[in-house]
Amino acid sequence: MNAPESIDQNTQLPTKKGNFENQETEYEYWVEDIEGTIPADFTGTFFRNGPGRLTLNGAGVRNWFDCDGMVARTTFIDGKAHFANKFVRTTKFIDETAANKYIYRGFGGAPEGNFFKRFSPPANPANTSLILHGGKFLAMNEGARPYALDPSTLDTEEGEFTYDNALGKQNMFSAHGKINPKTGCFYNFGMSFEASLKGLKPGFDFYKISPGGQLVARAKFALDFMPLLHDFALTENYAIFIQSSVAMPDNMLGLILKNGSMSDAMMFDTNKTSKIIIINIHTLQLVDKIEIDPIAALHFGNAYEKNGEIHFDMMETKPGAYPTPTVPKAPFNIFDPEVKAQEGAGLYTRFVINLRKASVTKERIDDAIEGEFPQWDWRLGTAENRYAISAAYPDTSSGTYFSAVQKIDRLTGKVDIHDFGDYRFNGEPLMVAKPDAKSEDEFYVMVYVYNGNTNKTEIVLLDSENFGDEIAVIKLSHHLPQGFHGLYSPKIFL
């Protein structure tokens, strides 16, 4: 994949290029350009993780998930906003910066000219998500151990974080761990492989981490093949995974020999059976595996138990997002100014599992529009919630990237949409209850928005009770490339 041209002072506006363009500078400053008003009683910190470096010495990454992670932090205090950003100093980032070239394999393959790197596991860019738990602030990726950061300075601790060596070099630790707010325990998982006479047998490790940050229990679960196992749902008593029909090809060795992209090779194959996998989070024992119709999915919403049933939300990826054994599809190219990310959008879907009958039903909220990154009030995790939000594609969207946030009333099915307008592209939104909230429908939404009309990024605050207005637009003096996942903390980190 060729690298894009650099954005400079002569860039013609409006532009889409900054959506996926390097930000090499690490900043720290009080933002002076604020449109609207940050509520004086709104205090806390909005973190986001995502790619900061997408090209190096003229070469572009072969897959978006291989970009070097950069953590951005926006702090709200006394009606003011402070911004800082810093690269995660992974081994990959340090070594490749020194060499001024890509030298490690990624999900998109190894750098050209290095045959032996094809057989290495993908390097860890620590670019996907974040968690504050057990006194640690962790930057997490899909296929390796996390990196610990100082939330006040964003400095990286040396080496991968191991939970006192409970995570070995071969262990993976996904980007989508979940905290049970009722117990304070943190649950996560990671793909694993066991050698057999028929080759590597895929499965996943499931981890339980105490409120104090100790890895206290783990268990291994088998999979029928290597699916795109990216996220899971958590209730008070259960973890729910989906073995989806989006999976790696069976001939992995051939893919590696050809230096193929693991991510781009993911294929929707209806011959690979989709199953819901239910695990008891107290005993770490398998409860059931329930076969369902073939499904493609990335991100889950909230989950809870009600009347002896498990309810969970998920963005079900729409048909055509992935290649099939008979219908090929061009890889997602972030350097194409007209890239159509909307092709990979999901549809907001609710599932109900009847454990006694081992049955599953699902329904869609009809008025919800295509999108991804479902979110809810994390304080209500594992409890029934009425409201959810997600990044979305409105009718006015060019399809390049998300350009709206939708607010979903799960009780009535009512959907409100905030459209950011032409050349304004948003990432994952987060929902935070107002300090004096008396009902669930009193919350702020915060989201990073790249504004191609100015080639700069904004942090935008929305009010759930007047969803069409932007109550505050914090205008950075530079752009940030689109990121992945973040978190909000009511604490101040400066």
Protein backbone atom coordinates (compact mmCIF):
# COMPACT_ATOMS: atom_id res chain seq x y z
CA MET A 1 0.00 0.00 0.00
CA ASN A 2 1.40 3.37 -0.99
CA ALA A 3 1.61 6.19 1.51
CA PRO A 4 -0.59 9.26 0.97
CA GLU A 5 0.72 12.69 0.19
CA SER A 6 1.40 14.77 3.28
CA ILE A 7 -0.95 17.50 4.36
CA ASP A 8 0.73 20.91 4.38
CA GLN A 9 -0.14 24.57 4.51
CA ASN A 10 -1.26 24.49 0.88
CA THR A 11 -3.83 21.74 1.31
CA GLN A 12 -7.01 22.66 -0.50
CA LEU A 13 -9.98 22.81 1.85
CA PRO A 14 -12.26 21.10 2.53
CA THR A 15 -10.29 17.86 2.68
CA LYS A 16 -10.69 14.29 3.93
CA LYS A 17 -6.99 13.52 4.10
CA GLY A 18 -6.46 14.35 7.76
CA ASN A 19 -8.85 11.55 8.68
CA PHE A 20 -5.98 9.10 8.10
CA GLU A 21 -2.86 11.28 8.18
CA ASN A 22 0.07 11.09 10.62
CA GLN A 23 0.23 13.32 13.67
CA GLU A 24 3.90 13.21 14.63
CA THR A 25 3.80 16.04 17.19
CA GLU A 26 3.08 15.42 20.86
CA TYR A 27 1.17 18.35 22.37
CA GLU A 28 0.22 19.59 25.83
CA TYR A 29 -1.75 22.85 26.17
CA TRP A 30 -4.88 24.58 27.42
CA VAL A 31 -7.30 24.96 24.52
CA GLU A 32 -8.21 28.60 23.96
CA ASP A 33 -10.55 28.26 20.99
CA ILE A 34 -13.85 26.98 22.41
CA GLU A 35 -17.17 27.55 20.70
CA GLY A 36 -20.08 27.40 23.12
CA THR A 37 -19.67 26.65 26.81
CA ILE A 38 -18.27 23.70 28.71
CA PRO A 39 -20.60 23.18 31.71
CA ALA A 40 -18.80 24.46 34.81
CA ASP A 41 -19.81 21.41 36.83
CA PHE A 42 -18.54 18.97 34.20
CA THR A 43 -15.23 17.67 35.52
CA GLY A 44 -13.24 14.69 34.29
CA THR A 45 -10.94 13.26 31.65
CA PHE A 46 -11.71 11.90 28.18
CA PHE A 47 -9.02 9.51 26.89
CA ARG A 48 -8.85 8.03 23.40
CA ASN A 49 -6.47 5.55 21.81
CA GLY A 50 -5.81 5.12 18.11
CA PRO A 51 -3.30 5.30 15.29
CA GLY A 52 -0.93 8.25 15.45
CA ARG A 53 1.59 7.16 12.82
CA LEU A 54 0.26 5.62 9.64
CA THR A 55 3.34 6.15 7.46
CA LEU A 56 7.08 6.00 8.04
CA ASN A 57 9.76 7.29 5.70
CA GLY A 58 7.36 7.32 2.78
CA ALA A 59 5.95 3.84 3.38
CA GLY A 60 2.38 3.26 4.50
CA VAL A 61 1.08 0.48 6.71
CA ARG A 62 -0.58 -2.43 4.96
CA ASN A 63 -3.44 -2.51 7.43
CA TRP A 64 -4.99 0.20 9.62
CA PHE A 65 -4.69 -2.00 12.73
CA ASP A 66 -0.88 -1.93 12.42
CA CYS A 67 -0.50 1.84 12.97
CA ASP A 68 1.45 2.99 16.04
CA GLY A 69 -0.77 3.83 18.98
CA MET A 70 -1.20 7.38 20.25
CA VAL A 71 -3.21 8.25 23.36
CA ALA A 72 -5.08 11.57 23.38
CA ARG A 73 -6.37 13.10 26.60
CA THR A 74 -8.83 15.96 27.04
CA THR A 75 -9.36 17.19 30.61
CA PHE A 76 -12.42 19.22 31.61
CA ILE A 77 -12.22 21.41 34.70
CA ASP A 78 -13.89 24.72 35.69
CA GLY A 79 -15.31 25.23 32.20
CA LYS A 80 -11.87 24.87 30.60
CA ALA A 81 -10.22 22.13 28.53
CA HIS A 82 -6.65 20.86 28.53
CA PHE A 83 -5.32 18.63 25.72
CA ALA A 84 -2.33 16.29 25.52
CA ASN A 85 -1.30 13.44 23.24
CA LYS A 86 1.61 11.02 23.22
CA PHE A 87 2.73 7.91 21.37
CA VAL A 88 2.77 4.63 23.26
CA ARG A 89 6.47 3.67 23.43
CA THR A 90 6.08 0.06 22.35
CA THR A 91 9.06 -2.03 21.26
CA LYS A 92 7.72 -1.68 17.72
CA PHE A 93 7.54 2.11 17.90
CA ILE A 94 11.00 2.49 19.47
CA ASP A 95 12.78 0.11 17.08
CA GLU A 96 11.10 1.33 13.91
CA THR A 97 11.61 4.99 14.85
CA ALA A 98 15.33 4.31 15.31
CA ALA A 99 15.51 2.41 12.00
CA ASN A 100 13.28 4.96 10.22
CA LYS A 101 11.44 2.13 8.50
CA TYR A 102 8.93 -0.63 9.19
CA ILE A 103 10.68 -3.80 10.34
CA TYR A 104 7.99 -5.88 12.08
CA ARG A 105 5.17 -8.01 10.77
CA GLY A 106 1.64 -6.76 11.30
CA PHE A 107 -1.84 -8.05 10.60
CA GLY A 108 -1.29 -6.66 7.12
CA GLY A 109 1.84 -8.75 6.52
CA ALA A 110 5.58 -8.23 6.91
CA PRO A 111 7.57 -5.39 5.32
CA GLU A 112 8.74 -6.16 1.80
CA GLY A 113 12.10 -7.85 1.50
CA ASN A 114 12.09 -9.64 4.85
CA PHE A 115 11.03 -13.24 4.22
CA PHE A 116 11.65 -14.51 7.76
CA LYS A 117 9.47 -11.80 9.36
CA ARG A 118 6.51 -13.45 7.63
CA PHE A 119 6.63 -16.20 10.24
CA SER A 120 6.70 -13.85 13.24
CA PRO A 121 3.55 -12.96 15.18
CA PRO A 122 2.22 -9.45 14.50
CA ALA A 123 3.99 -6.73 16.48
CA ASN A 124 2.10 -4.92 19.22
CA PRO A 125 1.23 -1.26 18.38
CA ALA A 126 -0.94 -0.83 21.55
CA ASN A 127 -3.32 1.27 19.51
CA THR A 128 -6.86 0.04 20.12
CA SER A 129 -8.32 0.77 23.57
CA LEU A 130 -7.66 1.80 27.17
CA ILE A 131 -8.63 0.72 30.66
CA LEU A 132 -8.19 2.19 34.15
CA HIS A 133 -8.28 -0.65 36.65
CA GLY A 134 -6.43 -1.90 39.72
CA GLY A 135 -4.26 1.20 39.87
CA LYS A 136 -3.05 0.75 36.29
CA PHE A 137 -3.78 2.62 33.05
CA LEU A 138 -3.38 0.16 30.18
CA ALA A 139 -3.18 0.62 26.41
CA MET A 140 -4.44 -2.56 24.77
CA ASN A 141 -4.23 -4.20 21.36
CA GLU A 142 -5.78 -7.30 19.85
CA GLY A 143 -2.91 -9.76 19.84
CA ALA A 144 -0.41 -9.14 22.63
CA ARG A 145 -0.01 -8.03 26.23
CA PRO A 146 -0.91 -4.45 27.21
CA TYR A 147 1.37 -1.52 27.92
CA ALA A 148 1.02 0.46 31.16
CA LEU A 149 0.99 4.28 30.97
CA ASP A 150 1.01 7.10 33.49
CA PRO A 151 -2.38 8.81 32.98
CA SER A 152 -0.99 12.15 34.20
CA THR A 153 2.02 12.30 31.85
CA LEU A 154 1.01 9.67 29.26
CA ASP A 155 4.54 8.26 29.61
CA THR A 156 4.92 4.53 28.90
CA GLU A 157 6.31 2.11 31.46
CA GLU A 158 9.11 -0.04 30.05
CA GLY A 159 8.07 -3.36 28.53
CA GLU A 160 4.69 -5.02 28.20
CA PHE A 161 2.54 -5.28 31.31
CA THR A 162 2.35 -8.86 32.62
CA TYR A 163 0.30 -8.85 35.86
CA ASP A 164 3.38 -9.99 37.78
CA ASN A 165 4.28 -12.48 35.05
CA ALA A 166 0.83 -14.10 35.05
CA LEU A 167 0.68 -13.21 31.36
CA GLY A 168 3.41 -15.03 29.47
CA LYS A 169 4.97 -13.97 26.16
CA GLN A 170 2.65 -16.33 24.32
CA ASN A 171 -0.50 -14.91 25.94
CA MET A 172 -2.74 -12.45 24.17
CA PHE A 173 -4.87 -9.84 25.91
CA SER A 174 -7.67 -8.36 23.87
CA ALA A 175 -8.63 -4.72 23.48
CA HIS A 176 -12.16 -5.30 24.79
CA GLY A 177 -11.99 -6.20 28.46
CA LYS A 178 -14.99 -5.43 30.66
CA ILE A 179 -15.29 -4.27 34.28
CA ASN A 180 -18.22 -5.53 36.33
CA PRO A 181 -19.23 -2.35 38.22
CA LYS A 182 -20.96 -4.40 40.91
CA THR A 183 -17.81 -6.29 41.93
CA GLY A 184 -14.96 -4.26 40.45
CA CYS A 185 -13.55 -7.34 38.74
CA PHE A 186 -12.05 -6.94 35.27
CA TYR A 187 -12.54 -9.67 32.66
CA ASN A 188 -10.64 -10.06 29.42
CA PHE A 189 -9.67 -12.72 26.91
CA GLY A 190 -7.05 -13.53 24.29
CA MET A 191 -6.77 -15.92 21.34
CA SER A 192 -4.72 -19.05 21.99
CA PHE A 193 -3.47 -22.02 19.99
CA GLU A 194 -2.64 -25.59 20.92
CA ALA A 195 -0.53 -27.92 18.79
CA SER A 196 -2.18 -31.09 17.53
CA LEU A 197 -1.56 -33.72 14.85
CA LYS A 198 -3.84 -31.69 12.57
CA GLY A 199 -1.97 -28.43 13.20
CA LEU A 200 -2.72 -25.52 15.51
CA LYS A 201 -6.08 -25.79 17.25
CA PRO A 202 -7.57 -22.36 18.02
CA GLY A 203 -9.24 -21.31 21.23
CA PHE A 204 -9.21 -18.44 23.71
CA ASP A 205 -8.04 -17.78 27.24
CA PHE A 206 -10.48 -16.04 29.59
CA TYR A 207 -9.01 -13.99 32.46
CA LYS A 208 -10.45 -12.72 35.75
CA ILE A 209 -8.62 -9.83 37.42
CA SER A 210 -9.44 -8.73 40.97
CA PRO A 211 -10.38 -5.13 41.87
CA GLY A 212 -6.84 -4.75 43.21
CA GLY A 213 -5.34 -5.70 39.86
CA GLN A 214 -4.27 -9.32 40.39
CA LEU A 215 -4.92 -11.94 37.74
CA VAL A 216 -6.70 -14.44 40.00
CA ALA A 217 -8.24 -16.97 37.61
CA ARG A 218 -8.07 -18.10 34.00
CA ALA A 219 -9.59 -20.78 31.81
CA LYS A 220 -9.20 -21.99 28.23
CA PHE A 221 -12.05 -22.58 25.78
CA ALA A 222 -11.91 -24.34 22.42
CA LEU A 223 -13.13 -22.90 19.11
CA ASP A 224 -14.11 -24.81 15.98
CA PHE A 225 -11.94 -22.55 13.80
CA MET A 226 -10.25 -19.15 14.07
CA PRO A 227 -13.09 -16.60 13.98
CA LEU A 228 -12.92 -12.85 14.25
CA LEU A 229 -13.27 -12.91 18.05
CA HIS A 230 -13.02 -9.21 18.83
CA ASP A 231 -15.36 -8.43 21.74
CA PHE A 232 -17.79 -10.00 24.22
CA ALA A 233 -20.72 -9.05 26.45
CA LEU A 234 -20.79 -9.17 30.25
CA THR A 235 -23.72 -9.65 32.62
CA GLU A 236 -23.67 -10.04 36.39
CA ASN A 237 -23.02 -13.76 36.06
CA TYR A 238 -22.07 -14.52 32.47
CA ALA A 239 -19.68 -13.66 29.66
CA ILE A 240 -21.13 -14.04 26.18
CA PHE A 241 -18.92 -14.63 23.14
CA ILE A 242 -19.90 -15.24 19.53
CA GLN A 243 -17.94 -17.63 17.33
CA SER A 244 -18.93 -15.78 14.17
CA SER A 245 -18.84 -17.04 10.60
CA VAL A 246 -16.16 -14.44 9.80
CA ALA A 247 -12.96 -16.42 10.05
CA MET A 248 -9.40 -16.89 8.91
CA PRO A 249 -8.77 -19.32 6.03
CA ASP A 250 -7.94 -22.88 7.04
CA ASN A 251 -4.65 -22.74 5.12
CA MET A 252 -2.88 -20.27 7.37
CA LEU A 253 0.58 -21.49 6.38
CA GLY A 254 -0.10 -20.71 2.74
CA LEU A 255 -1.27 -17.23 3.67
CA ILE A 256 1.91 -16.58 5.66
CA LEU A 257 4.17 -17.91 2.89
CA LYS A 258 2.53 -15.47 0.50
CA ASN A 259 2.95 -12.69 3.09
CA GLY A 260 -0.77 -12.19 3.09
CA SER A 261 -2.75 -9.95 5.39
CA MET A 262 -4.38 -11.84 8.26
CA SER A 263 -7.03 -9.16 8.65
CA ASP A 264 -7.84 -8.84 4.96
CA ALA A 265 -8.07 -12.63 4.69
CA MET A 266 -11.03 -12.73 7.08
CA MET A 267 -13.92 -14.19 5.11
CA PHE A 268 -17.64 -14.58 5.77
CA ASP A 269 -18.16 -18.28 5.22
CA THR A 270 -21.60 -19.72 5.97
CA ASN A 271 -20.04 -23.18 6.15
CA LYS A 272 -18.35 -22.08 9.38
CA THR A 273 -20.95 -22.42 12.11
CA SER A 274 -21.78 -19.42 14.28
CA LYS A 275 -22.26 -20.18 17.98
CA ILE A 276 -23.00 -18.22 21.12
CA ILE A 277 -20.59 -19.27 23.88
CA ILE A 278 -21.73 -18.63 27.47
CA ILE A 279 -19.27 -18.72 30.39
CA ASN A 280 -19.99 -18.46 34.12
CA ILE A 281 -17.74 -15.60 35.29
CA HIS A 282 -17.61 -16.87 38.87
CA THR A 283 -16.51 -20.44 38.16
CA LEU A 284 -15.04 -19.80 34.69
CA GLN A 285 -16.90 -22.87 33.50
CA LEU A 286 -18.63 -23.29 30.16
CA VAL A 287 -22.41 -22.96 30.54
CA ASP A 288 -23.52 -23.66 26.98
CA LYS A 289 -22.75 -23.32 23.28
CA ILE A 290 -25.80 -22.47 21.17
CA GLU A 291 -25.72 -22.67 17.38
CA ILE A 292 -27.21 -19.65 15.59
CA ASP A 293 -27.62 -18.53 12.00
CA PRO A 294 -24.36 -17.35 10.37
CA ILE A 295 -23.48 -13.93 11.69
CA ALA A 296 -20.78 -11.25 11.37
CA ALA A 297 -20.15 -8.91 14.29
CA LEU A 298 -17.49 -6.75 15.92
CA HIS A 299 -18.72 -4.76 18.92
CA PHE A 300 -21.19 -5.53 21.71
CA GLY A 301 -23.30 -3.11 23.70
CA ASN A 302 -24.49 -3.61 27.26
CA ALA A 303 -25.82 -6.93 28.60
CA TYR A 304 -27.90 -7.94 31.59
CA GLU A 305 -30.08 -10.72 33.02
CA LYS A 306 -33.86 -10.40 33.24
CA ASN A 307 -36.56 -12.97 34.04
CA GLY A 308 -34.11 -15.83 33.73
CA GLU A 309 -32.89 -14.66 30.34
CA ILE A 310 -29.72 -13.00 29.05
CA HIS A 311 -30.23 -9.78 27.07
CA PHE A 312 -27.41 -8.21 25.07
CA ASP A 313 -26.98 -5.64 22.31
CA MET A 314 -24.61 -5.85 19.39
CA MET A 315 -23.82 -4.14 16.11
CA GLU A 316 -24.45 -6.92 13.59
CA THR A 317 -22.27 -6.25 10.57
CA LYS A 318 -24.40 -5.80 7.48
CA PRO A 319 -24.13 -8.24 4.54
CA GLY A 320 -21.35 -7.58 2.05
CA ALA A 321 -18.85 -6.17 4.50
CA TYR A 322 -16.54 -9.16 4.15
CA PRO A 323 -15.45 -11.25 1.18
CA THR A 324 -17.00 -14.70 0.82
CA PRO A 325 -15.56 -17.88 -0.69
CA THR A 326 -17.29 -17.00 -3.98
CA VAL A 327 -17.33 -13.18 -3.91
CA PRO A 328 -13.93 -11.46 -3.44
CA LYS A 329 -13.65 -7.96 -2.02
CA ALA A 330 -10.89 -5.35 -2.24
CA PRO A 331 -9.05 -4.67 1.08
CA PHE A 332 -10.01 -1.58 3.06
CA ASN A 333 -7.60 1.18 1.94
CA ILE A 334 -7.37 4.05 4.42
CA PHE A 335 -5.20 6.06 2.00
CA ASP A 336 -7.94 6.29 -0.62
CA PRO A 337 -9.58 9.73 -0.14
CA GLU A 338 -12.88 8.23 -1.23
CA VAL A 339 -12.65 5.12 0.93
CA LYS A 340 -16.12 3.85 1.80
CA ALA A 341 -15.86 2.80 5.42
CA GLN A 342 -19.65 2.61 5.55
CA GLU A 343 -19.45 -0.72 3.72
CA GLY A 344 -18.35 -2.23 7.05
CA ALA A 345 -21.13 -0.66 9.13
CA GLY A 346 -23.32 -2.57 11.56
CA LEU A 347 -27.01 -2.61 12.47
CA TYR A 348 -28.11 -2.21 16.09
CA THR A 349 -29.49 -5.57 17.18
CA ARG A 350 -30.89 -6.92 20.46
CA PHE A 351 -30.50 -10.59 21.43
CA VAL A 352 -32.30 -12.61 24.10
CA ILE A 353 -30.97 -15.98 25.25
CA ASN A 354 -33.28 -18.39 27.05
CA LEU A 355 -30.82 -20.55 28.96
CA ARG A 356 -33.39 -23.18 29.94
CA LYS A 357 -34.51 -23.72 26.34
CA ALA A 358 -31.05 -23.03 24.83
CA SER A 359 -32.80 -20.72 22.35
CA VAL A 360 -31.91 -17.30 20.94
CA THR A 361 -34.14 -14.57 19.50
CA LYS A 362 -33.07 -11.26 18.02
CA GLU A 363 -34.69 -8.05 16.83
CA ARG A 364 -33.62 -4.74 15.35
CA ILE A 365 -34.63 -1.24 16.35
CA ASP A 366 -36.13 -0.20 13.03
CA ASP A 367 -35.26 3.50 13.20
CA ALA A 368 -31.60 2.95 14.14
CA ILE A 369 -29.28 3.78 11.26
CA GLU A 370 -26.08 2.11 10.12
CA GLY A 371 -23.13 2.65 12.45
CA GLU A 372 -20.67 1.09 14.88
CA PHE A 373 -19.02 1.61 18.30
CA PRO A 374 -22.13 1.06 20.49
CA GLN A 375 -21.91 2.65 23.95
CA TRP A 376 -23.96 3.03 27.12
CA ASP A 377 -23.61 4.52 30.60
CA TRP A 378 -20.86 2.27 31.99
CA ARG A 379 -22.22 2.70 35.52
CA LEU A 380 -25.17 0.58 34.32
CA GLY A 381 -23.00 -2.19 32.97
CA THR A 382 -24.58 -5.62 33.73
CA ALA A 383 -27.87 -3.84 34.62
CA GLU A 384 -30.78 -3.03 32.32
CA ASN A 385 -30.23 0.25 30.49
CA ARG A 386 -32.73 2.28 28.50
CA TYR A 387 -30.42 4.43 26.37
CA ALA A 388 -27.53 3.64 24.06
CA ILE A 389 -25.52 5.63 21.52
CA SER A 390 -23.26 4.83 18.59
CA ALA A 391 -21.29 6.41 15.79
CA ALA A 392 -23.49 6.50 12.70
CA TYR A 393 -23.88 7.25 9.00
CA PRO A 394 -26.74 9.72 8.38
CA ASP A 395 -28.57 10.06 5.07
CA THR A 396 -26.26 12.96 4.20
CA SER A 397 -23.11 10.86 4.70
CA SER A 398 -20.54 10.47 1.93
CA GLY A 399 -19.80 7.02 3.35
CA THR A 400 -16.16 7.94 3.93
CA TYR A 401 -16.42 7.69 7.69
CA PHE A 402 -18.93 8.22 10.49
CA SER A 403 -20.42 11.71 10.47
CA ALA A 404 -23.14 11.43 13.11
CA VAL A 405 -24.02 10.07 16.54
CA GLN A 406 -27.33 8.32 17.15
CA LYS A 407 -29.14 8.16 20.49
CA ILE A 408 -31.30 5.05 20.84
CA ASP A 409 -34.18 4.65 23.29
CA ARG A 410 -34.21 0.89 23.76
CA LEU A 411 -37.64 1.04 25.44
CA THR A 412 -39.61 2.97 22.82
CA GLY A 413 -37.41 2.50 19.75
CA LYS A 414 -37.10 6.27 19.28
CA VAL A 415 -33.84 7.33 17.63
CA ASP A 416 -32.36 10.85 17.66
CA ILE A 417 -29.53 11.70 15.27
CA HIS A 418 -26.89 14.41 15.56
CA ASP A 419 -25.44 15.04 12.09
CA PHE A 420 -22.07 16.82 12.21
CA GLY A 421 -22.42 18.07 8.64
CA ASP A 422 -20.20 18.12 5.57
CA TYR A 423 -16.56 17.11 6.01
CA ARG A 424 -16.89 16.52 9.76
CA PHE A 425 -16.06 12.92 10.66
CA ASN A 426 -16.44 11.52 14.17
CA GLY A 427 -15.03 8.58 16.06
CA GLU A 428 -16.50 6.56 18.92
CA PRO A 429 -18.82 8.62 21.17
CA LEU A 430 -18.94 8.15 24.94
CA MET A 431 -21.94 8.68 27.21
CA VAL A 432 -21.44 10.35 30.62
CA ALA A 433 -24.23 11.10 33.10
CA LYS A 434 -24.64 14.74 34.12
CA PRO A 435 -23.37 15.45 37.63
CA ASP A 436 -26.88 16.15 38.94
CA ALA A 437 -28.74 13.63 36.74
CA LYS A 438 -32.06 12.43 38.14
CA SER A 439 -32.91 10.16 35.21
CA GLU A 440 -30.99 8.03 32.70
CA ASP A 441 -31.89 10.48 29.93
CA GLU A 442 -29.70 13.22 31.39
CA PHE A 443 -26.23 12.74 29.98
CA TYR A 444 -23.51 14.32 27.89
CA VAL A 445 -21.98 12.78 24.78
CA MET A 446 -18.32 13.48 24.04
CA VAL A 447 -16.61 12.64 20.78
CA TYR A 448 -13.52 13.52 18.72
CA VAL A 449 -14.47 15.02 15.35
CA TYR A 450 -12.05 15.62 12.48
CA ASN A 451 -13.18 18.76 10.65
CA GLY A 452 -12.04 18.66 7.04
CA ASN A 453 -13.24 22.24 6.54
CA THR A 454 -10.34 23.41 8.72
CA ASN A 455 -8.10 20.32 8.68
CA LYS A 456 -8.22 20.31 12.49
CA THR A 457 -9.80 18.12 15.14
CA GLU A 458 -12.49 19.13 17.62
CA ILE A 459 -13.77 17.58 20.83
CA VAL A 460 -17.53 18.04 20.73
CA LEU A 461 -19.97 17.89 23.67
CA LEU A 462 -23.64 17.08 23.04
CA ASP A 463 -26.56 17.23 25.47
CA SER A 464 -28.94 14.24 25.49
CA GLU A 465 -31.89 16.54 26.22
CA ASN A 466 -31.25 18.74 23.17
CA PHE A 467 -29.45 16.37 20.85
CA GLY A 468 -29.34 18.64 17.82
CA ASP A 469 -27.11 21.27 19.43
CA GLU A 470 -23.38 21.19 20.13
CA ILE A 471 -23.08 22.77 23.55
CA ALA A 472 -19.29 23.01 23.30
CA VAL A 473 -16.78 22.57 20.48
CA ILE A 474 -13.21 22.44 21.76
CA LYS A 475 -11.10 23.32 18.72
CA LEU A 476 -7.59 21.90 18.69
CA SER A 477 -4.84 23.74 16.86
CA HIS A 478 -4.03 20.65 14.75
CA HIS A 479 -5.58 17.45 13.42
CA LEU A 480 -5.65 13.94 14.87
CA PRO A 481 -6.15 10.88 12.67
CA GLN A 482 -9.23 8.82 13.40
CA GLY A 483 -8.89 6.61 16.45
CA PHE A 484 -10.54 3.53 17.88
CA HIS A 485 -11.71 3.36 21.51
CA GLY A 486 -11.54 5.50 24.63
CA LEU A 487 -12.77 5.95 28.16
CA TYR A 488 -13.99 8.66 30.51
CA SER A 489 -12.90 9.09 34.15
CA PRO A 490 -14.38 11.61 36.59
CA LYS A 491 -10.81 12.12 37.90
CA ILE A 492 -8.49 14.90 36.78
CA PHE A 493 -5.17 13.88 35.22
CA LEU A 494 -2.78 16.75 34.49
